[in-house]
Amino acid sequence: MGLFFKNKKDEVKEEIKHEDKPQKVSLGQKLRQMFGGRTLSDEDLDSLEETLIAADIGPAISYELIETLRSKSIKTIDDGIELLKSEMESILVDKYSPIERGQLNIVLVLGVNGVGKTTSIAKIANYYMRRRFKVLLAAADTFRAAATEQLTRWANKLDIPIIKQGEGADPASIVFDAIDSAVAKGIDLLLIDTAGRLHTKANLMEELKKIERIIEMKRTKDNINFIKMNMLVIDGTTGQNAFQQAQAFNELIGVDGIVITKYDAQSKGGIVFTIEKKLGIPFYFIGTGEQLEDLQQFKSDEFIQNIFN
């Protein structure tokens, strides 16, 4: 009759599969499990440094943090965690997005394929729509047809306009049309999806620079007043790869702020500290899930508290 019944062997396999699945723990839980209930020795501090590095906080920053613990003669892990929190808060600087309602804001959204860039654009659009912004999307990643299709689905779901052309179209021409449309419609926020193929840096650089020239031409020749910024999307689970992406895009075009996606307290969120300390780029938003509402303003104290919970 088409019915399927599990036998005992299948059930055992499922139980084993479930038992073998590693349980993720936060950095704070890991540290307490490793060092809780005893006085910290020099060997413990060395192990603690390795744990921080494994959390993608970075060798240089981890070394500085541990040396601070040594200099303060920290003896217990709970006291150590409190000092780590304080020192790590001094690395991060809260800087909120300069996007303002009542004038045109043009945001180039950057990021490599697979980091959740298109979904993040939808989340950002939803975030500002809930704050009564008029939003327009521009599908300027014409290298992949799927990118335009995905962005169009989000535009339909959010019931907002989108400017697009066919696959292989000139991204700069799409941006040109999008700015004209934004001005005509009285748009507050224009979010522009861009290509992210870092493996062809020369082509990407040329494409992004052309888009930048079009935007500046609109400011000078057409006398359009707007706030313009470049926002990078990185995947919080990719660790040092995320730093390399931030460094590459910052060198290519400049990055004003970052959205970190796929983040939870068990992810390798330590990369945030390396990016802010080495590149000086602030984090504007943090994505915490798959739903449109799962986007929060990045707040350093909350971020650090979640790491150590």
C-alpha atoms as a PDB file:
ATOM      1  CA  MET A   1       0.000   0.000   0.000  1.00  0.00           C
ATOM      2  CA  GLY A   2       3.050   2.256  -0.182  1.00  0.00           C
ATOM      3  CA  LEU A   3       3.473   2.392   3.604  1.00  0.00           C
ATOM      4  CA  PHE A   4       6.977   2.241   5.055  1.00  0.00           C
ATOM      5  CA  PHE A   5       7.810   0.810   8.455  1.00  0.00           C
ATOM      6  CA  LYS A   6      11.164   1.226  10.193  1.00  0.00           C
ATOM      7  CA  ASN A   7      12.781  -1.976  11.379  1.00  0.00           C
ATOM      8  CA  LYS A   8      14.927  -2.277  14.508  1.00  0.00           C
ATOM      9  CA  LYS A   9      18.154  -1.946  12.504  1.00  0.00           C
ATOM     10  CA  ASP A  10      17.003   1.403  11.108  1.00  0.00           C
ATOM     11  CA  GLU A  11      16.081   2.618  14.585  1.00  0.00           C
ATOM     12  CA  VAL A  12      19.493   1.607  15.958  1.00  0.00           C
ATOM     13  CA  LYS A  13      21.223   3.467  13.096  1.00  0.00           C
ATOM     14  CA  GLU A  14      19.205   6.582  13.860  1.00  0.00           C
ATOM     15  CA  GLU A  15      20.062   6.346  17.556  1.00  0.00           C
ATOM     16  CA  ILE A  16      23.767   5.971  16.786  1.00  0.00           C
ATOM     17  CA  LYS A  17      23.624   8.856  14.331  1.00  0.00           C
ATOM     18  CA  HIS A  18      21.940  11.020  16.952  1.00  0.00           C
ATOM     19  CA  GLU A  19      24.425  10.049  19.665  1.00  0.00           C
ATOM     20  CA  ASP A  20      27.415  10.696  17.409  1.00  0.00           C
ATOM     21  CA  LYS A  21      26.291  14.211  16.550  1.00  0.00           C
ATOM     22  CA  PRO A  22      28.661  16.583  18.368  1.00  0.00           C
ATOM     23  CA  GLN A  23      27.050  18.961  20.804  1.00  0.00           C
ATOM     24  CA  LYS A  24      28.257  22.508  20.270  1.00  0.00           C
ATOM     25  CA  VAL A  25      29.221  24.516  23.330  1.00  0.00           C
ATOM     26  CA  SER A  26      30.034  28.178  23.781  1.00  0.00           C
ATOM     27  CA  LEU A  27      33.547  29.395  24.498  1.00  0.00           C
ATOM     28  CA  GLY A  28      32.569  30.127  28.084  1.00  0.00           C
ATOM     29  CA  GLN A  29      31.196  26.608  28.595  1.00  0.00           C
ATOM     30  CA  LYS A  30      34.330  25.106  27.078  1.00  0.00           C
ATOM     31  CA  LEU A  31      36.629  27.131  29.326  1.00  0.00           C
ATOM     32  CA  ARG A  32      34.683  26.230  32.468  1.00  0.00           C
ATOM     33  CA  GLN A  33      34.697  22.569  31.527  1.00  0.00           C
ATOM     34  CA  MET A  34      38.457  22.631  30.976  1.00  0.00           C
ATOM     35  CA  PHE A  35      39.566  24.762  33.918  1.00  0.00           C
ATOM     36  CA  GLY A  36      36.657  25.044  36.346  1.00  0.00           C
ATOM     37  CA  GLY A  37      37.235  24.322  40.014  1.00  0.00           C
ATOM     38  CA  ARG A  38      41.008  24.690  40.094  1.00  0.00           C
ATOM     39  CA  THR A  39      43.715  27.311  40.319  1.00  0.00           C
ATOM     40  CA  LEU A  40      45.087  28.281  36.922  1.00  0.00           C
ATOM     41  CA  SER A  41      48.711  27.278  36.350  1.00  0.00           C
ATOM     42  CA  ASP A  42      51.089  28.525  33.650  1.00  0.00           C
ATOM     43  CA  GLU A  43      50.297  25.354  31.696  1.00  0.00           C
ATOM     44  CA  ASP A  44      46.580  26.123  32.012  1.00  0.00           C
ATOM     45  CA  LEU A  45      47.140  29.603  30.634  1.00  0.00           C
ATOM     46  CA  ASP A  46      49.007  28.106  27.679  1.00  0.00           C
ATOM     47  CA  SER A  47      46.063  25.770  27.056  1.00  0.00           C
ATOM     48  CA  LEU A  48      43.668  28.684  27.435  1.00  0.00           C
ATOM     49  CA  GLU A  49      45.606  30.580  24.764  1.00  0.00           C
ATOM     50  CA  GLU A  50      45.276  27.609  22.395  1.00  0.00           C
ATOM     51  CA  THR A  51      41.525  27.506  23.062  1.00  0.00           C
ATOM     52  CA  LEU A  52      41.168  31.198  22.201  1.00  0.00           C
ATOM     53  CA  ILE A  53      43.121  30.699  18.970  1.00  0.00           C
ATOM     54  CA  ALA A  54      40.882  27.744  18.089  1.00  0.00           C
ATOM     55  CA  ALA A  55      37.904  30.088  18.506  1.00  0.00           C
ATOM     56  CA  ASP A  56      39.434  32.263  15.749  1.00  0.00           C
ATOM     57  CA  ILE A  57      40.283  35.130  18.068  1.00  0.00           C
ATOM     58  CA  GLY A  58      43.692  35.095  16.402  1.00  0.00           C
ATOM     59  CA  PRO A  59      47.211  34.285  17.661  1.00  0.00           C
ATOM     60  CA  ALA A  60      48.301  37.885  18.288  1.00  0.00           C
ATOM     61  CA  ILE A  61      45.139  38.911  20.139  1.00  0.00           C
ATOM     62  CA  SER A  62      45.050  35.626  22.083  1.00  0.00           C
ATOM     63  CA  TYR A  63      48.658  36.131  23.170  1.00  0.00           C
ATOM     64  CA  GLU A  64      47.922  39.678  24.354  1.00  0.00           C
ATOM     65  CA  LEU A  65      44.868  38.495  26.302  1.00  0.00           C
ATOM     66  CA  ILE A  66      46.782  35.716  28.033  1.00  0.00           C
ATOM     67  CA  GLU A  67      49.687  38.021  28.898  1.00  0.00           C
ATOM     68  CA  THR A  68      47.169  40.369  30.506  1.00  0.00           C
ATOM     69  CA  LEU A  69      45.858  37.465  32.583  1.00  0.00           C
ATOM     70  CA  ARG A  70      49.411  36.628  33.642  1.00  0.00           C
ATOM     71  CA  SER A  71      50.177  40.220  34.599  1.00  0.00           C
ATOM     72  CA  LYS A  72      47.032  40.410  36.735  1.00  0.00           C
ATOM     73  CA  SER A  73      47.847  37.100  38.452  1.00  0.00           C
ATOM     74  CA  ILE A  74      44.415  35.680  37.647  1.00  0.00           C
ATOM     75  CA  LYS A  75      43.937  32.422  39.537  1.00  0.00           C
ATOM     76  CA  THR A  76      40.471  31.096  38.632  1.00  0.00           C
ATOM     77  CA  ILE A  77      38.728  30.651  35.312  1.00  0.00           C
ATOM     78  CA  ASP A  78      35.697  32.701  36.389  1.00  0.00           C
ATOM     79  CA  ASP A  79      37.941  35.664  37.230  1.00  0.00           C
ATOM     80  CA  GLY A  80      39.784  35.024  33.965  1.00  0.00           C
ATOM     81  CA  ILE A  81      36.553  35.110  31.960  1.00  0.00           C
ATOM     82  CA  GLU A  82      35.532  38.420  33.538  1.00  0.00           C
ATOM     83  CA  LEU A  83      38.890  39.958  32.641  1.00  0.00           C
ATOM     84  CA  LEU A  84      38.722  38.501  29.115  1.00  0.00           C
ATOM     85  CA  LYS A  85      35.286  40.074  28.642  1.00  0.00           C
ATOM     86  CA  SER A  86      36.600  43.468  29.707  1.00  0.00           C
ATOM     87  CA  GLU A  87      39.694  43.268  27.488  1.00  0.00           C
ATOM     88  CA  MET A  88      37.711  42.028  24.481  1.00  0.00           C
ATOM     89  CA  GLU A  89      35.149  44.804  24.850  1.00  0.00           C
ATOM     90  CA  SER A  90      38.000  47.309  24.501  1.00  0.00           C
ATOM     91  CA  ILE A  91      38.813  45.857  21.053  1.00  0.00           C
ATOM     92  CA  LEU A  92      35.298  46.267  19.631  1.00  0.00           C
ATOM     93  CA  VAL A  93      33.801  49.664  18.843  1.00  0.00           C
ATOM     94  CA  ASP A  94      30.051  50.052  18.425  1.00  0.00           C
ATOM     95  CA  LYS A  95      29.373  52.113  15.322  1.00  0.00           C
ATOM     96  CA  TYR A  96      25.879  52.203  13.981  1.00  0.00           C
ATOM     97  CA  SER A  97      24.913  52.322  10.331  1.00  0.00           C
ATOM     98  CA  PRO A  98      24.614  55.926   9.053  1.00  0.00           C
ATOM     99  CA  ILE A  99      21.451  55.074   7.092  1.00  0.00           C
ATOM    100  CA  GLU A 100      18.790  57.732   7.699  1.00  0.00           C
ATOM    101  CA  ARG A 101      15.141  57.944   6.691  1.00  0.00           C
ATOM    102  CA  GLY A 102      14.047  60.935   4.645  1.00  0.00           C
ATOM    103  CA  GLN A 103      16.915  60.908   2.161  1.00  0.00           C
ATOM    104  CA  LEU A 104      18.351  58.466  -0.334  1.00  0.00           C
ATOM    105  CA  ASN A 105      20.813  55.915   1.038  1.00  0.00           C
ATOM    106  CA  ILE A 106      22.706  53.820  -1.525  1.00  0.00           C
ATOM    107  CA  VAL A 107      24.241  50.633  -0.152  1.00  0.00           C
ATOM    108  CA  LEU A 108      26.492  48.380  -2.221  1.00  0.00           C
ATOM    109  CA  VAL A 109      26.211  44.921  -0.662  1.00  0.00           C
ATOM    110  CA  LEU A 110      29.422  42.919  -1.106  1.00  0.00           C
ATOM    111  CA  GLY A 111      30.297  39.298  -0.374  1.00  0.00           C
ATOM    112  CA  VAL A 112      31.423  36.038  -1.936  1.00  0.00           C
ATOM    113  CA  ASN A 113      28.960  33.390  -3.064  1.00  0.00           C
ATOM    114  CA  GLY A 114      27.617  31.211  -0.279  1.00  0.00           C
ATOM    115  CA  VAL A 115      27.863  33.613   2.654  1.00  0.00           C
ATOM    116  CA  GLY A 116      24.147  34.439   2.621  1.00  0.00           C
ATOM    117  CA  LYS A 117      24.473  37.774   0.814  1.00  0.00           C
ATOM    118  CA  THR A 118      21.143  37.740  -1.021  1.00  0.00           C
ATOM    119  CA  THR A 119      19.224  36.584   2.048  1.00  0.00           C
ATOM    120  CA  SER A 120      20.982  39.265   4.094  1.00  0.00           C
ATOM    121  CA  ILE A 121      19.820  41.897   1.611  1.00  0.00           C
ATOM    122  CA  ALA A 122      16.246  40.715   2.192  1.00  0.00           C
ATOM    123  CA  LYS A 123      16.761  40.849   5.960  1.00  0.00           C
ATOM    124  CA  ILE A 124      18.219  44.363   5.776  1.00  0.00           C
ATOM    125  CA  ALA A 125      15.311  45.453   3.577  1.00  0.00           C
ATOM    126  CA  ASN A 126      12.837  43.994   6.055  1.00  0.00           C
ATOM    127  CA  TYR A 127      14.693  45.576   8.999  1.00  0.00           C
ATOM    128  CA  TYR A 128      14.342  49.064   7.525  1.00  0.00           C
ATOM    129  CA  MET A 129      10.844  48.541   6.147  1.00  0.00           C
ATOM    130  CA  ARG A 130       9.699  47.818   9.696  1.00  0.00           C
ATOM    131  CA  ARG A 131      11.135  51.246  10.523  1.00  0.00           C
ATOM    132  CA  ARG A 132       9.029  52.849   7.773  1.00  0.00           C
ATOM    133  CA  PHE A 133      11.771  53.164   5.147  1.00  0.00           C
ATOM    134  CA  LYS A 134      10.847  52.971   1.467  1.00  0.00           C
ATOM    135  CA  VAL A 135      13.178  50.321   0.009  1.00  0.00           C
ATOM    136  CA  LEU A 136      14.258  49.440  -3.538  1.00  0.00           C
ATOM    137  CA  LEU A 137      16.417  46.485  -4.612  1.00  0.00           C
ATOM    138  CA  ALA A 138      18.836  46.376  -7.552  1.00  0.00           C
ATOM    139  CA  ALA A 139      20.021  43.037  -8.953  1.00  0.00           C
ATOM    140  CA  ALA A 140      23.521  43.999 -10.137  1.00  0.00           C
ATOM    141  CA  ASP A 141      25.010  40.516  -9.707  1.00  0.00           C
ATOM    142  CA  THR A 142      24.403  39.570 -13.334  1.00  0.00           C
ATOM    143  CA  PHE A 143      27.160  36.974 -13.404  1.00  0.00           C
ATOM    144  CA  ARG A 144      24.800  34.395 -11.900  1.00  0.00           C
ATOM    145  CA  ALA A 145      21.217  34.140 -13.139  1.00  0.00           C
ATOM    146  CA  ALA A 146      20.304  32.454  -9.850  1.00  0.00           C
ATOM    147  CA  ALA A 147      21.276  35.609  -7.942  1.00  0.00           C
ATOM    148  CA  THR A 148      18.749  37.730  -9.814  1.00  0.00           C
ATOM    149  CA  GLU A 149      16.066  35.060  -9.485  1.00  0.00           C
ATOM    150  CA  GLN A 150      16.615  34.736  -5.753  1.00  0.00           C
ATOM    151  CA  LEU A 151      16.576  38.490  -5.190  1.00  0.00           C
ATOM    152  CA  THR A 152      13.391  38.749  -7.261  1.00  0.00           C
ATOM    153  CA  ARG A 153      11.702  36.143  -5.048  1.00  0.00           C
ATOM    154  CA  TRP A 154      12.619  38.139  -1.962  1.00  0.00           C
ATOM    155  CA  ALA A 155      11.353  41.364  -3.565  1.00  0.00           C
ATOM    156  CA  ASN A 156       8.038  39.670  -4.328  1.00  0.00           C
ATOM    157  CA  LYS A 157       7.778  38.290  -0.805  1.00  0.00           C
ATOM    158  CA  LEU A 158       8.518  41.688   0.724  1.00  0.00           C
ATOM    159  CA  ASP A 159       6.324  43.438  -1.858  1.00  0.00           C
ATOM    160  CA  ILE A 160       9.005  45.952  -2.820  1.00  0.00           C
ATOM    161  CA  PRO A 161      10.221  47.037  -6.277  1.00  0.00           C
ATOM    162  CA  ILE A 162      13.338  45.625  -7.897  1.00  0.00           C
ATOM    163  CA  ILE A 163      15.438  46.877 -10.808  1.00  0.00           C
ATOM    164  CA  LYS A 164      16.953  44.103 -12.911  1.00  0.00           C
ATOM    165  CA  GLN A 165      18.014  43.048 -16.399  1.00  0.00           C
ATOM    166  CA  GLY A 166      18.939  39.759 -18.034  1.00  0.00           C
ATOM    167  CA  GLU A 167      21.908  37.534 -17.277  1.00  0.00           C
ATOM    168  CA  GLY A 168      25.177  39.054 -18.453  1.00  0.00           C
ATOM    169  CA  ALA A 169      23.835  42.610 -18.492  1.00  0.00           C
ATOM    170  CA  ASP A 170      26.108  45.480 -17.506  1.00  0.00           C
ATOM    171  CA  PRO A 171      25.800  45.859 -13.692  1.00  0.00           C
ATOM    172  CA  ALA A 172      26.620  49.577 -13.906  1.00  0.00           C
ATOM    173  CA  SER A 173      23.660  50.184 -16.223  1.00  0.00           C
ATOM    174  CA  ILE A 174      21.373  48.488 -13.692  1.00  0.00           C
ATOM    175  CA  VAL A 175      22.716  50.753 -10.958  1.00  0.00           C
ATOM    176  CA  PHE A 176      22.203  53.780 -13.227  1.00  0.00           C
ATOM    177  CA  ASP A 177      18.542  52.839 -13.742  1.00  0.00           C
ATOM    178  CA  ALA A 178      18.090  51.967 -10.067  1.00  0.00           C
ATOM    179  CA  ILE A 179      19.260  55.386  -8.881  1.00  0.00           C
ATOM    180  CA  ASP A 180      16.921  57.138 -11.333  1.00  0.00           C
ATOM    181  CA  SER A 181      14.063  54.949 -10.125  1.00  0.00           C
ATOM    182  CA  ALA A 182      14.946  55.562  -6.477  1.00  0.00           C
ATOM    183  CA  VAL A 183      14.855  59.325  -6.986  1.00  0.00           C
ATOM    184  CA  ALA A 184      11.561  59.164  -8.901  1.00  0.00           C
ATOM    185  CA  LYS A 185       9.905  56.982  -6.247  1.00  0.00           C
ATOM    186  CA  GLY A 186      11.235  58.895  -3.238  1.00  0.00           C
ATOM    187  CA  ILE A 187      13.131  55.840  -1.981  1.00  0.00           C
ATOM    188  CA  ASP A 188      14.958  55.983   1.364  1.00  0.00           C
ATOM    189  CA  LEU A 189      17.145  52.909   0.887  1.00  0.00           C
ATOM    190  CA  LEU A 190      18.530  51.428  -2.333  1.00  0.00           C
ATOM    191  CA  LEU A 191      20.179  48.042  -1.716  1.00  0.00           C
ATOM    192  CA  ILE A 192      22.404  46.907  -4.597  1.00  0.00           C
ATOM    193  CA  ASP A 193      23.438  43.259  -4.900  1.00  0.00           C
ATOM    194  CA  THR A 194      26.902  42.886  -6.451  1.00  0.00           C
ATOM    195  CA  ALA A 195      29.007  40.009  -7.743  1.00  0.00           C
ATOM    196  CA  GLY A 196      31.448  38.329  -5.382  1.00  0.00           C
ATOM    197  CA  ARG A 197      33.772  36.222  -7.503  1.00  0.00           C
ATOM    198  CA  LEU A 198      37.025  36.948  -5.711  1.00  0.00           C
ATOM    199  CA  HIS A 199      38.851  34.327  -7.786  1.00  0.00           C
ATOM    200  CA  THR A 200      38.745  36.810 -10.674  1.00  0.00           C
ATOM    201  CA  LYS A 201      39.809  39.897  -8.733  1.00  0.00           C
ATOM    202  CA  ALA A 202      40.744  41.959 -11.786  1.00  0.00           C
ATOM    203  CA  ASN A 203      37.299  41.579 -13.379  1.00  0.00           C
ATOM    204  CA  LEU A 204      35.540  42.143 -10.067  1.00  0.00           C
ATOM    205  CA  MET A 205      37.584  45.253  -9.359  1.00  0.00           C
ATOM    206  CA  GLU A 206      36.797  46.688 -12.785  1.00  0.00           C
ATOM    207  CA  GLU A 207      33.092  45.961 -12.339  1.00  0.00           C
ATOM    208  CA  LEU A 208      32.863  47.472  -8.855  1.00  0.00           C
ATOM    209  CA  LYS A 209      34.868  50.540  -9.813  1.00  0.00           C
ATOM    210  CA  LYS A 210      32.584  51.119 -12.786  1.00  0.00           C
ATOM    211  CA  ILE A 211      29.572  50.946 -10.467  1.00  0.00           C
ATOM    212  CA  GLU A 212      31.277  53.440  -8.144  1.00  0.00           C
ATOM    213  CA  ARG A 213      31.908  55.818 -11.052  1.00  0.00           C
ATOM    214  CA  ILE A 214      28.250  55.671 -12.077  1.00  0.00           C
ATOM    215  CA  ILE A 215      27.132  56.434  -8.534  1.00  0.00           C
ATOM    216  CA  GLU A 216      29.491  59.411  -8.227  1.00  0.00           C
ATOM    217  CA  MET A 217      28.453  60.669 -11.659  1.00  0.00           C
ATOM    218  CA  LYS A 218      24.870  60.709 -10.438  1.00  0.00           C
ATOM    219  CA  ARG A 219      25.963  62.797  -7.467  1.00  0.00           C
ATOM    220  CA  THR A 220      27.973  65.341  -9.443  1.00  0.00           C
ATOM    221  CA  LYS A 221      26.374  65.614 -12.899  1.00  0.00           C
ATOM    222  CA  ASP A 222      22.765  64.932 -11.911  1.00  0.00           C
ATOM    223  CA  ASN A 223      23.172  66.748  -8.575  1.00  0.00           C
ATOM    224  CA  ILE A 224      21.573  63.915  -6.591  1.00  0.00           C
ATOM    225  CA  ASN A 225      22.189  64.048  -2.855  1.00  0.00           C
ATOM    226  CA  PHE A 226      22.582  60.707  -1.076  1.00  0.00           C
ATOM    227  CA  ILE A 227      24.473  58.764   1.567  1.00  0.00           C
ATOM    228  CA  LYS A 228      26.565  55.974   0.046  1.00  0.00           C
ATOM    229  CA  MET A 229      28.237  53.060   1.790  1.00  0.00           C
ATOM    230  CA  ASN A 230      29.713  49.618   1.108  1.00  0.00           C
ATOM    231  CA  MET A 231      28.445  46.818   3.321  1.00  0.00           C
ATOM    232  CA  LEU A 232      30.186  43.425   3.365  1.00  0.00           C
ATOM    233  CA  VAL A 233      28.478  40.144   4.269  1.00  0.00           C
ATOM    234  CA  ILE A 234      30.632  37.427   5.858  1.00  0.00           C
ATOM    235  CA  ASP A 235      29.813  33.937   7.130  1.00  0.00           C
ATOM    236  CA  GLY A 236      30.479  33.685  10.878  1.00  0.00           C
ATOM    237  CA  THR A 237      31.301  29.985  10.647  1.00  0.00           C
ATOM    238  CA  THR A 238      34.221  30.303   8.225  1.00  0.00           C
ATOM    239  CA  GLY A 239      36.807  31.759  10.595  1.00  0.00           C
ATOM    240  CA  GLN A 240      39.985  32.987   8.939  1.00  0.00           C
ATOM    241  CA  ASN A 241      38.395  32.786   5.479  1.00  0.00           C
ATOM    242  CA  ALA A 242      36.038  35.547   6.599  1.00  0.00           C
ATOM    243  CA  PHE A 243      39.020  37.718   7.547  1.00  0.00           C
ATOM    244  CA  GLN A 244      40.653  37.117   4.163  1.00  0.00           C
ATOM    245  CA  GLN A 245      37.422  38.106   2.413  1.00  0.00           C
ATOM    246  CA  ALA A 246      37.111  41.277   4.479  1.00  0.00           C
ATOM    247  CA  GLN A 247      40.725  42.158   3.740  1.00  0.00           C
ATOM    248  CA  ALA A 248      40.328  41.494   0.002  1.00  0.00           C
ATOM    249  CA  PHE A 249      37.137  43.543  -0.428  1.00  0.00           C
ATOM    250  CA  ASN A 250      38.550  46.337   1.708  1.00  0.00           C
ATOM    251  CA  GLU A 251      41.575  46.512  -0.585  1.00  0.00           C
ATOM    252  CA  LEU A 252      39.441  46.245  -3.733  1.00  0.00           C
ATOM    253  CA  ILE A 253      36.813  48.862  -3.016  1.00  0.00           C
ATOM    254  CA  GLY A 254      36.735  49.746   0.685  1.00  0.00           C
ATOM    255  CA  VAL A 255      34.315  48.411   3.289  1.00  0.00           C
ATOM    256  CA  ASP A 256      32.339  50.721   5.592  1.00  0.00           C
ATOM    257  CA  GLY A 257      30.587  48.080   7.678  1.00  0.00           C
ATOM    258  CA  ILE A 258      30.008  44.340   7.990  1.00  0.00           C
ATOM    259  CA  VAL A 259      27.066  41.991   8.410  1.00  0.00           C
ATOM    260  CA  ILE A 260      28.013  38.667  10.009  1.00  0.00           C
ATOM    261  CA  THR A 261      25.674  35.791   9.108  1.00  0.00           C
ATOM    262  CA  LYS A 262      25.036  32.227  10.300  1.00  0.00           C
ATOM    263  CA  TYR A 263      26.147  33.202  13.770  1.00  0.00           C
ATOM    264  CA  ASP A 264      25.346  31.668  17.118  1.00  0.00           C
ATOM    265  CA  ALA A 265      27.343  31.608  20.358  1.00  0.00           C
ATOM    266  CA  GLN A 266      28.924  28.301  19.334  1.00  0.00           C
ATOM    267  CA  SER A 267      30.186  29.576  15.982  1.00  0.00           C
ATOM    268  CA  LYS A 268      33.728  30.829  15.477  1.00  0.00           C
ATOM    269  CA  GLY A 269      32.678  34.405  16.162  1.00  0.00           C
ATOM    270  CA  GLY A 270      36.165  35.272  17.373  1.00  0.00           C
ATOM    271  CA  ILE A 271      37.004  36.449  13.860  1.00  0.00           C
ATOM    272  CA  VAL A 272      35.101  39.648  14.698  1.00  0.00           C
ATOM    273  CA  PHE A 273      37.947  40.719  16.989  1.00  0.00           C
ATOM    274  CA  THR A 274      40.630  40.075  14.362  1.00  0.00           C
ATOM    275  CA  ILE A 275      38.733  42.036  11.698  1.00  0.00           C
ATOM    276  CA  GLU A 276      38.073  45.032  13.934  1.00  0.00           C
ATOM    277  CA  LYS A 277      41.600  45.139  15.359  1.00  0.00           C
ATOM    278  CA  LYS A 278      43.500  44.589  12.093  1.00  0.00           C
ATOM    279  CA  LEU A 279      41.188  46.269   9.573  1.00  0.00           C
ATOM    280  CA  GLY A 280      39.244  48.726  11.729  1.00  0.00           C
ATOM    281  CA  ILE A 281      35.929  47.843  10.052  1.00  0.00           C
ATOM    282  CA  PRO A 282      32.874  48.033  12.330  1.00  0.00           C
ATOM    283  CA  PHE A 283      30.113  45.428  12.437  1.00  0.00           C
ATOM    284  CA  TYR A 284      26.635  46.812  11.792  1.00  0.00           C
ATOM    285  CA  PHE A 285      24.387  43.754  11.879  1.00  0.00           C
ATOM    286  CA  ILE A 286      24.410  40.155  13.036  1.00  0.00           C
ATOM    287  CA  GLY A 287      22.286  37.418  11.439  1.00  0.00           C
ATOM    288  CA  THR A 288      21.076  34.855  13.960  1.00  0.00           C
ATOM    289  CA  GLY A 289      18.805  32.594  11.898  1.00  0.00           C
ATOM    290  CA  GLU A 290      17.064  31.910   8.596  1.00  0.00           C
ATOM    291  CA  GLN A 291      13.934  34.020   9.063  1.00  0.00           C
ATOM    292  CA  LEU A 292      13.563  37.580   7.767  1.00  0.00           C
ATOM    293  CA  GLU A 293      13.355  38.873  11.324  1.00  0.00           C
ATOM    294  CA  ASP A 294      16.617  37.171  12.344  1.00  0.00           C
ATOM    295  CA  LEU A 295      18.778  40.271  11.956  1.00  0.00           C
ATOM    296  CA  GLN A 296      19.927  42.375  14.891  1.00  0.00           C
ATOM    297  CA  GLN A 297      21.961  45.491  15.327  1.00  0.00           C
ATOM    298  CA  PHE A 298      25.465  44.454  16.345  1.00  0.00           C
ATOM    299  CA  LYS A 299      26.175  45.384  19.959  1.00  0.00           C
ATOM    300  CA  SER A 300      29.603  44.474  21.276  1.00  0.00           C
ATOM    301  CA  ASP A 301      28.576  43.914  24.902  1.00  0.00           C
ATOM    302  CA  GLU A 302      25.791  41.517  23.915  1.00  0.00           C
ATOM    303  CA  PHE A 303      28.054  39.761  21.427  1.00  0.00           C
ATOM    304  CA  ILE A 304      30.749  39.141  24.041  1.00  0.00           C
ATOM    305  CA  GLN A 305      28.212  38.113  26.666  1.00  0.00           C
ATOM    306  CA  ASN A 306      26.813  35.467  24.275  1.00  0.00           C
ATOM    307  CA  ILE A 307      30.290  34.100  23.609  1.00  0.00           C
ATOM    308  CA  PHE A 308      30.918  33.495  27.288  1.00  0.00           C
ATOM    309  CA  ASN A 309      27.444  32.407  28.427  1.00  0.00           C
END
